[in-house]
Amino acid sequence: MLVLHREEQRWEDRRFVEFPGFLRAGDCVVLNNSKVIPSRLYGHLAGLPDGRVEVLLLRPVSEDRRDWKALARPGRKLRDGLEAEILARGERGQRTLRFFDGDPDEALERIGHIPLPPYIRRPDEPMDRERYQTVFAKEKGSAAAPTAGLHFTPGILDACRRAGAEIAYVTLHVGLGTFQPIPTEEITGHRLHAERYEIAGEDEAKIHAARRRVAVGTTSVRVLETGGSGGETDLFIYPGFEFRATGAMLTNFHLPRTSLLLLVCALGGKDFVLSAYRHAVERRYRFYSYGDCMLIV
């Protein structure tokens, strides 16, 4: 864990097991408890024997959960029965699908695949349904794990409480828009896809009462800075943003040209964060979802 001290403009190499030692009484550690669903499906287009397609379900858009926003591209053939039609086509491979007979959620549990990140170059395995989840994952709905939370164990959470910090949960179902590269140099024109979020009343009270809110992951930051108890957020945070609710953040290391890295630069300061990233590369910190983490205090 690379720890960035903003006021002193210095960093130090530590271990994540030491994270609770950076907490103090009155802190609230804010965690995203969204759970990854087996949302990747393999099938074929009706009437085209070789028209194989891979579908990644992003989020339901109807009350009965039969209509879904999805990404579609050529892929492998589905081995079990589940039929859907394309209702609409959008940009960058997005589609709106409607499923026919049966319960889509039951079918996903039965034949869906965990949507591992593309840099994990192997098919998903049964163990990924547990491994690609945080230990506090509860509310089903994400197409990707809120990866900063993957570092936590029940023991670390207990240590956070012993340090005097409250634990609060928010739910933001992670789509893929957050991870997509920003296609232009002019970031002010970039727009994120909206993602659903919710905060239960008890957790909202803990967050409001905290002296300092320690957000775990960029998704928790976006929920805190959006405010309110629920809805949708397309909040795009980049340098110059005025933080009103986030006092510190734990996050993984992110790739260039992403909104995630811009958010980190907004909180830590662009030059300071990029210098720390160069240090992380030199010290061979691991990037990506299963990589190491950075704590900005």
Protein backbone atom coordinates (compact mmCIF):
# COMPACT_ATOMS: atom_id res chain seq x y z
CA MET A 1 0.00 0.00 0.00
CA LEU A 2 1.44 3.34 -1.08
CA VAL A 3 0.36 6.07 1.36
CA LEU A 4 0.19 9.65 0.08
CA HIS A 5 0.26 12.46 2.64
CA ARG A 6 -1.19 15.47 0.85
CA GLU A 7 -0.29 18.22 3.30
CA GLU A 8 3.32 17.08 3.66
CA GLN A 9 3.63 16.18 -0.03
CA ARG A 10 5.33 12.90 0.74
CA TRP A 11 4.59 9.21 0.37
CA GLU A 12 5.63 6.03 2.12
CA ASP A 13 5.62 2.35 1.23
CA ARG A 14 3.47 0.38 3.67
CA ARG A 15 1.35 -2.78 3.73
CA PHE A 16 -2.41 -2.92 3.55
CA VAL A 17 -2.61 -4.77 6.87
CA GLU A 18 -1.50 -1.43 8.38
CA PHE A 19 -4.53 0.42 6.96
CA PRO A 20 -6.45 0.51 10.29
CA GLY A 21 -3.49 2.33 11.83
CA PHE A 22 -4.25 5.35 9.63
CA LEU A 23 -7.77 5.64 11.05
CA ARG A 24 -8.82 7.63 14.07
CA ALA A 25 -11.87 7.96 16.30
CA GLY A 26 -14.70 9.68 14.46
CA ASP A 27 -13.74 8.30 11.04
CA CYS A 28 -16.23 6.44 8.88
CA VAL A 29 -14.93 3.90 6.38
CA VAL A 30 -17.34 3.90 3.43
CA LEU A 31 -17.53 0.65 1.44
CA ASN A 32 -19.45 -0.23 -1.71
CA ASN A 33 -21.33 -3.49 -1.06
CA SER A 34 -22.45 -4.07 -4.64
CA LYS A 35 -22.11 -7.69 -5.78
CA VAL A 36 -20.95 -8.81 -9.22
CA ILE A 37 -23.54 -10.84 -11.08
CA PRO A 38 -22.72 -13.57 -13.65
CA SER A 39 -23.69 -11.19 -16.43
CA ARG A 40 -21.67 -12.51 -19.38
CA LEU A 41 -23.64 -14.69 -21.79
CA TYR A 42 -22.55 -16.54 -24.94
CA GLY A 43 -25.09 -17.19 -27.69
CA HIS A 44 -25.86 -16.96 -31.39
CA LEU A 45 -28.04 -14.81 -33.59
CA ALA A 46 -31.25 -16.50 -34.73
CA GLY A 47 -31.06 -17.79 -38.29
CA LEU A 48 -27.28 -17.47 -38.46
CA PRO A 49 -25.59 -20.75 -37.44
CA ASP A 50 -22.19 -19.05 -37.28
CA GLY A 51 -23.49 -15.77 -35.88
CA ARG A 52 -22.00 -16.25 -32.44
CA VAL A 53 -22.31 -13.38 -30.01
CA GLU A 54 -21.06 -12.44 -26.55
CA VAL A 55 -23.39 -10.32 -24.43
CA LEU A 56 -22.42 -8.46 -21.26
CA LEU A 57 -25.47 -7.33 -19.31
CA LEU A 58 -24.96 -3.92 -17.69
CA ARG A 59 -28.20 -3.10 -15.88
CA PRO A 60 -31.95 -3.81 -16.04
CA VAL A 61 -34.07 -0.99 -17.41
CA SER A 62 -37.56 -2.36 -16.72
CA GLU A 63 -39.41 -3.19 -13.51
CA ASP A 64 -39.77 -6.87 -14.43
CA ARG A 65 -36.00 -7.03 -15.21
CA ARG A 66 -36.65 -8.42 -18.69
CA ASP A 67 -35.20 -5.38 -20.49
CA TRP A 68 -31.44 -4.81 -20.06
CA LYS A 69 -28.77 -2.46 -21.28
CA ALA A 70 -25.96 -4.61 -22.60
CA LEU A 71 -22.80 -4.73 -24.68
CA ALA A 72 -22.65 -7.17 -27.56
CA ARG A 73 -19.81 -8.42 -29.74
CA PRO A 74 -18.88 -11.61 -31.63
CA GLY A 75 -18.23 -14.43 -29.17
CA ARG A 76 -18.73 -18.07 -28.28
CA LYS A 77 -21.93 -20.06 -28.57
CA LEU A 78 -24.27 -20.37 -25.62
CA ARG A 79 -24.77 -23.95 -24.48
CA ASP A 80 -28.17 -23.53 -22.83
CA GLY A 81 -31.51 -22.00 -23.71
CA LEU A 82 -32.25 -18.31 -23.10
CA GLU A 83 -33.79 -16.17 -25.81
CA ALA A 84 -33.77 -12.40 -26.20
CA GLU A 85 -34.44 -9.80 -28.87
CA ILE A 86 -32.61 -6.56 -29.57
CA LEU A 87 -34.91 -3.59 -28.93
CA ALA A 88 -32.47 -0.77 -29.65
CA ARG A 89 -28.87 -0.13 -30.66
CA GLY A 90 -26.60 2.47 -29.11
CA GLU A 91 -23.02 3.70 -29.33
CA ARG A 92 -19.90 1.57 -28.75
CA GLY A 93 -21.69 -1.75 -29.08
CA GLN A 94 -24.46 -0.97 -26.61
CA ARG A 95 -27.80 -2.70 -27.07
CA THR A 96 -31.10 -2.87 -25.25
CA LEU A 97 -32.25 -6.49 -24.93
CA ARG A 98 -35.57 -8.02 -23.93
CA PHE A 99 -35.61 -11.57 -22.59
CA PHE A 100 -38.49 -13.93 -23.38
CA ASP A 101 -39.77 -16.80 -21.24
CA GLY A 102 -38.29 -17.67 -17.87
CA ASP A 103 -36.69 -15.72 -15.05
CA PRO A 104 -33.64 -13.78 -16.34
CA ASP A 105 -32.05 -13.65 -12.89
CA GLU A 106 -32.43 -17.40 -12.40
CA ALA A 107 -31.02 -18.00 -15.87
CA LEU A 108 -28.00 -15.82 -15.16
CA GLU A 109 -27.21 -17.78 -12.01
CA ARG A 110 -27.51 -21.00 -13.99
CA ILE A 111 -25.70 -20.20 -17.25
CA GLY A 112 -24.10 -16.79 -16.82
CA HIS A 113 -20.36 -16.21 -16.53
CA ILE A 114 -18.54 -13.86 -14.17
CA PRO A 115 -17.27 -10.92 -16.28
CA LEU A 116 -13.58 -11.07 -15.43
CA PRO A 117 -11.49 -8.10 -16.62
CA PRO A 118 -10.13 -8.57 -20.16
CA TYR A 119 -6.50 -8.69 -19.01
CA ILE A 120 -7.23 -11.95 -17.14
CA ARG A 121 -6.64 -14.18 -20.12
CA ARG A 122 -8.49 -17.31 -19.08
CA PRO A 123 -12.13 -18.38 -19.00
CA ASP A 124 -13.96 -17.75 -15.77
CA GLU A 125 -14.11 -20.61 -13.30
CA PRO A 126 -16.62 -21.54 -10.57
CA MET A 127 -14.27 -20.13 -7.90
CA ASP A 128 -14.50 -16.68 -9.52
CA ARG A 129 -18.06 -16.31 -8.28
CA GLU A 130 -16.55 -15.95 -4.82
CA ARG A 131 -13.04 -14.65 -5.54
CA TYR A 132 -14.14 -11.72 -7.73
CA GLN A 133 -16.26 -10.31 -4.89
CA THR A 134 -15.57 -8.29 -1.79
CA VAL A 135 -16.12 -10.08 1.54
CA PHE A 136 -18.98 -7.63 2.22
CA ALA A 137 -20.67 -7.92 -1.20
CA LYS A 138 -24.43 -8.08 -0.70
CA GLU A 139 -26.54 -6.25 -3.27
CA LYS A 140 -26.51 -7.91 -6.71
CA GLY A 141 -26.07 -5.70 -9.74
CA SER A 142 -22.47 -4.92 -10.79
CA ALA A 143 -20.76 -5.79 -14.05
CA ALA A 144 -17.36 -5.32 -12.38
CA ALA A 145 -16.10 -5.55 -8.82
CA PRO A 146 -15.48 -2.39 -6.77
CA THR A 147 -11.87 -3.45 -6.64
CA ALA A 148 -10.51 -1.33 -3.78
CA GLY A 149 -12.74 -3.38 -1.49
CA LEU A 150 -11.10 -6.65 -2.54
CA HIS A 151 -8.24 -5.99 -0.11
CA PHE A 152 -10.45 -6.25 2.98
CA THR A 153 -10.92 -9.31 5.17
CA PRO A 154 -13.27 -9.67 8.15
CA GLY A 155 -10.20 -9.29 10.38
CA ILE A 156 -9.22 -5.96 8.80
CA LEU A 157 -12.78 -4.68 9.18
CA ASP A 158 -12.71 -5.62 12.87
CA ALA A 159 -9.37 -3.79 13.24
CA CYS A 160 -10.94 -0.68 11.68
CA ARG A 161 -13.67 -0.75 14.32
CA ARG A 162 -11.13 -1.22 17.09
CA ALA A 163 -9.35 1.88 15.80
CA GLY A 164 -12.53 3.82 16.56
CA ALA A 165 -13.91 4.03 13.02
CA GLU A 166 -17.48 3.31 11.97
CA ILE A 167 -18.16 1.10 8.96
CA ALA A 168 -20.86 2.27 6.54
CA TYR A 169 -22.01 0.75 3.27
CA VAL A 170 -23.25 2.32 0.08
CA THR A 171 -24.44 0.50 -3.01
CA LEU A 172 -23.34 1.64 -6.44
CA HIS A 173 -23.75 -0.92 -9.19
CA VAL A 174 -20.62 -0.67 -11.31
CA GLY A 175 -21.06 -0.46 -15.07
CA LEU A 176 -18.31 -0.30 -17.66
CA GLY A 177 -18.49 3.38 -18.57
CA THR A 178 -16.31 4.29 -15.61
CA PHE A 179 -13.49 2.08 -16.90
CA GLN A 180 -13.61 3.05 -20.57
CA PRO A 181 -10.75 5.21 -21.85
CA ILE A 182 -11.54 8.88 -22.43
CA PRO A 183 -11.50 9.21 -26.23
CA THR A 184 -10.62 12.91 -26.51
CA GLU A 185 -8.09 15.34 -25.05
CA GLU A 186 -10.88 17.72 -23.99
CA ILE A 187 -12.11 16.08 -20.79
CA THR A 188 -14.80 18.65 -20.02
CA GLY A 189 -16.92 17.26 -22.85
CA HIS A 190 -16.68 13.68 -21.62
CA ARG A 191 -19.75 12.12 -20.03
CA LEU A 192 -19.94 9.03 -17.82
CA HIS A 193 -22.75 6.52 -18.08
CA ALA A 194 -25.18 6.88 -15.19
CA GLU A 195 -24.93 4.24 -12.47
CA ARG A 196 -27.52 3.42 -9.80
CA TYR A 197 -26.70 3.98 -6.14
CA GLU A 198 -28.43 3.74 -2.77
CA ILE A 199 -27.59 4.37 0.89
CA ALA A 200 -29.63 2.76 3.67
CA GLY A 201 -30.83 5.04 6.46
CA GLU A 202 -28.55 3.64 9.17
CA ASP A 203 -25.49 3.94 6.94
CA GLU A 204 -26.46 7.44 5.84
CA ALA A 205 -26.62 8.50 9.51
CA LYS A 206 -23.11 7.12 10.16
CA ILE A 207 -21.75 8.97 7.15
CA HIS A 208 -23.32 12.29 8.14
CA ALA A 209 -22.06 11.97 11.73
CA ALA A 210 -18.44 11.22 10.75
CA ARG A 211 -15.62 13.68 11.38
CA ARG A 212 -13.80 12.25 8.37
CA ARG A 213 -15.12 9.97 5.62
CA VAL A 214 -12.60 7.47 4.29
CA ALA A 215 -13.96 6.31 0.95
CA VAL A 216 -12.93 2.88 -0.27
CA GLY A 217 -12.79 3.08 -4.05
CA THR A 218 -13.75 5.67 -6.61
CA THR A 219 -17.36 4.42 -6.60
CA SER A 220 -17.74 5.31 -2.91
CA VAL A 221 -16.25 8.75 -3.61
CA ARG A 222 -18.76 9.40 -6.37
CA VAL A 223 -21.65 8.38 -4.11
CA LEU A 224 -20.43 10.65 -1.29
CA GLU A 225 -19.89 13.61 -3.59
CA THR A 226 -23.21 13.13 -5.39
CA GLY A 227 -25.09 13.25 -2.09
CA GLY A 228 -28.58 12.10 -1.26
CA SER A 229 -29.82 8.66 -0.32
CA GLY A 230 -30.12 7.18 -3.80
CA GLY A 231 -30.83 7.56 -7.49
CA GLU A 232 -28.43 7.66 -10.43
CA THR A 233 -25.12 9.45 -10.74
CA ASP A 234 -23.05 10.38 -13.76
CA LEU A 235 -20.75 12.58 -11.69
CA PHE A 236 -17.42 13.05 -13.49
CA ILE A 237 -14.66 14.16 -11.10
CA TYR A 238 -11.44 15.61 -12.52
CA PRO A 239 -8.81 18.14 -11.32
CA GLY A 240 -10.44 21.33 -10.18
CA PHE A 241 -13.35 19.53 -8.53
CA GLU A 242 -14.20 20.80 -5.03
CA PHE A 243 -14.58 17.85 -2.66
CA ARG A 244 -17.23 18.39 -0.01
CA ALA A 245 -17.68 14.95 1.58
CA THR A 246 -14.51 12.87 1.07
CA GLY A 247 -11.69 13.21 3.58
CA ALA A 248 -9.46 10.33 2.47
CA MET A 249 -9.57 7.54 -0.09
CA LEU A 250 -8.23 4.03 -0.58
CA THR A 251 -8.00 3.07 -4.25
CA ASN A 252 -6.20 0.74 -6.61
CA PHE A 253 -3.77 1.91 -9.31
CA HIS A 254 -5.51 2.96 -12.52
CA LEU A 255 -4.64 3.16 -16.19
CA PRO A 256 -3.91 6.34 -18.16
CA ARG A 257 -6.74 8.20 -19.94
CA THR A 258 -9.43 6.93 -17.57
CA SER A 259 -11.89 8.84 -15.41
CA LEU A 260 -10.62 6.81 -12.45
CA LEU A 261 -7.12 8.29 -12.66
CA LEU A 262 -8.57 11.77 -13.11
CA LEU A 263 -10.58 11.36 -9.91
CA VAL A 264 -7.46 10.31 -8.00
CA CYS A 265 -5.57 13.32 -9.40
CA ALA A 266 -8.42 15.59 -8.36
CA LEU A 267 -8.19 14.43 -4.75
CA GLY A 268 -4.43 14.09 -4.39
CA GLY A 269 -3.21 16.78 -6.79
CA LYS A 270 -2.17 15.95 -10.35
CA ASP A 271 1.59 16.45 -10.09
CA PHE A 272 1.82 14.76 -6.69
CA VAL A 273 -0.21 11.73 -7.78
CA LEU A 274 1.66 11.27 -11.07
CA SER A 275 4.98 11.46 -9.22
CA ALA A 276 3.72 8.81 -6.82
CA TYR A 277 2.65 6.66 -9.78
CA ARG A 278 6.17 6.85 -11.19
CA HIS A 279 7.46 5.69 -7.81
CA ALA A 280 4.92 2.84 -7.85
CA VAL A 281 6.14 1.71 -11.28
CA GLU A 282 9.77 1.84 -10.15
CA ARG A 283 8.96 -0.17 -7.02
CA ARG A 284 6.98 -2.68 -9.07
CA TYR A 285 3.60 -2.11 -7.45
CA ARG A 286 0.94 -4.19 -9.13
CA PHE A 287 -1.75 -2.39 -11.11
CA TYR A 288 -5.25 -3.56 -12.20
CA SER A 289 -8.11 -5.08 -10.22
CA TYR A 290 -6.12 -7.66 -8.27
CA GLY A 291 -3.20 -5.28 -7.74
CA ASP A 292 -1.90 -3.14 -4.91
CA CYS A 293 -3.51 -0.04 -3.44
CA MET A 294 -2.94 3.61 -2.64
CA LEU A 295 -4.20 5.47 0.42
CA ILE A 296 -4.56 9.24 0.07
CA VAL A 297 -4.82 11.02 3.43
